[in-house]
Structure formats: C-alpha cells, structure tokens
Amino acid sequence: VNPVALKRLNINTAQFNQLSAIPYLSNKQINAIIQYRKQHGNYNEPADLKKIVILNQQTIDKIVPYISF
C-alpha cells in the first residue's frame, strides 16, 4: 500500500462510520476504540491502542497507515 495515497483519519475525532472504512477493523473493535476514547481521552500514539484488549499488535500494525493522532 502506498501510504501517500491514503487519506488518514484522525482517530481522536473520527466517528463510527468513518472508522468503518478502515479495513481490518470489526464493528466491535471500532466500538471499543470509540468507547475507550470517550472514557480515557485522546490517543497520542499507536502504543495507546494496545490498552484496548480486543486489539492485538498485528491489527494495530495494519491500521496505523490509515490513522493519525
């Protein structure tokens, strides 16, 4: 994948329907990302996503080219 051609989404402001455009994420994972953000505040780096139990490192690595902070 050419990272320059990707339109990155800000994971701190994106809504469910926007995050659903990212491949590799299930609806359950998207809900977890949004709920964690509501409860704990904004994400600052990819390592913050490790705090979400249903996201493993492999999934995080796959979605990093699609998101910004």
Protein backbone atom coordinates (compact mmCIF):
# COMPACT_ATOMS: atom_id res chain seq x y z
CA VAL A 1 0.00 0.00 0.00
CA ASN A 2 1.27 3.43 -0.90
CA PRO A 3 0.92 5.47 2.32
CA VAL A 4 0.97 8.74 0.35
CA ALA A 5 -2.23 7.74 -1.48
CA LEU A 6 -4.12 7.02 1.74
CA LYS A 7 -6.41 9.57 3.33
CA ARG A 8 -5.64 9.25 7.03
CA LEU A 9 -8.37 9.58 9.62
CA ASN A 10 -7.79 11.29 12.93
CA ILE A 11 -8.58 8.53 15.41
CA ASN A 12 -9.42 11.13 18.07
CA THR A 13 -12.21 12.75 16.06
CA ALA A 14 -13.42 10.08 13.62
CA GLN A 15 -16.93 8.75 14.07
CA PHE A 16 -18.03 5.12 13.72
CA ASN A 17 -18.99 5.39 10.03
CA GLN A 18 -15.61 6.93 9.17
CA LEU A 19 -13.66 4.29 11.10
CA SER A 20 -15.66 1.54 9.40
CA ALA A 21 -13.91 2.50 6.15
CA ILE A 22 -10.63 1.21 7.59
CA PRO A 23 -10.03 -2.38 6.58
CA TYR A 24 -9.03 -4.87 9.28
CA LEU A 25 -11.38 -3.43 11.94
CA SER A 26 -14.58 -5.14 13.02
CA ASN A 27 -17.59 -3.22 14.30
CA LYS A 28 -16.81 -4.48 17.80
CA GLN A 29 -13.23 -3.15 17.59
CA ILE A 30 -14.44 0.22 16.27
CA ASN A 31 -16.88 0.50 19.18
CA ALA A 32 -14.08 -0.33 21.61
CA ILE A 33 -11.84 2.37 20.10
CA ILE A 34 -14.59 4.98 20.42
CA GLN A 35 -15.67 3.97 23.93
CA TYR A 36 -12.07 3.92 25.21
CA ARG A 37 -11.56 7.39 23.71
CA LYS A 38 -14.70 8.69 25.47
CA GLN A 39 -13.63 7.26 28.82
CA HIS A 40 -9.88 7.95 28.78
CA GLY A 41 -9.35 10.85 26.39
CA ASN A 42 -7.46 11.18 23.15
CA TYR A 43 -4.91 8.77 21.77
CA ASN A 44 -1.41 10.19 21.33
CA GLU A 45 0.43 7.36 19.59
CA PRO A 46 -0.12 3.83 18.25
CA ALA A 47 1.05 2.36 21.57
CA ASP A 48 -2.08 3.82 23.21
CA LEU A 49 -4.18 1.40 21.16
CA LYS A 50 -2.56 -1.52 22.99
CA LYS A 51 -4.68 -0.59 26.00
CA ILE A 52 -7.76 -1.82 24.12
CA VAL A 53 -7.97 -5.51 24.95
CA ILE A 54 -9.57 -6.66 21.69
CA LEU A 55 -6.88 -5.03 19.52
CA ASN A 56 -3.76 -7.11 19.13
CA GLN A 57 -0.40 -5.81 17.91
CA GLN A 58 -0.92 -7.31 14.45
CA THR A 59 -4.19 -5.40 13.96
CA ILE A 60 -2.66 -2.18 15.27
CA ASP A 61 0.24 -2.53 12.83
CA LYS A 62 -2.23 -2.98 9.96
CA ILE A 63 -4.33 0.10 10.77
CA VAL A 64 -1.51 2.55 11.56
CA PRO A 65 -1.15 3.67 7.89
CA TYR A 66 -4.84 4.64 7.91
CA ILE A 67 -4.91 6.77 11.07
CA SER A 68 -3.40 9.94 12.50
CA PHE A 69 -3.33 11.32 16.03
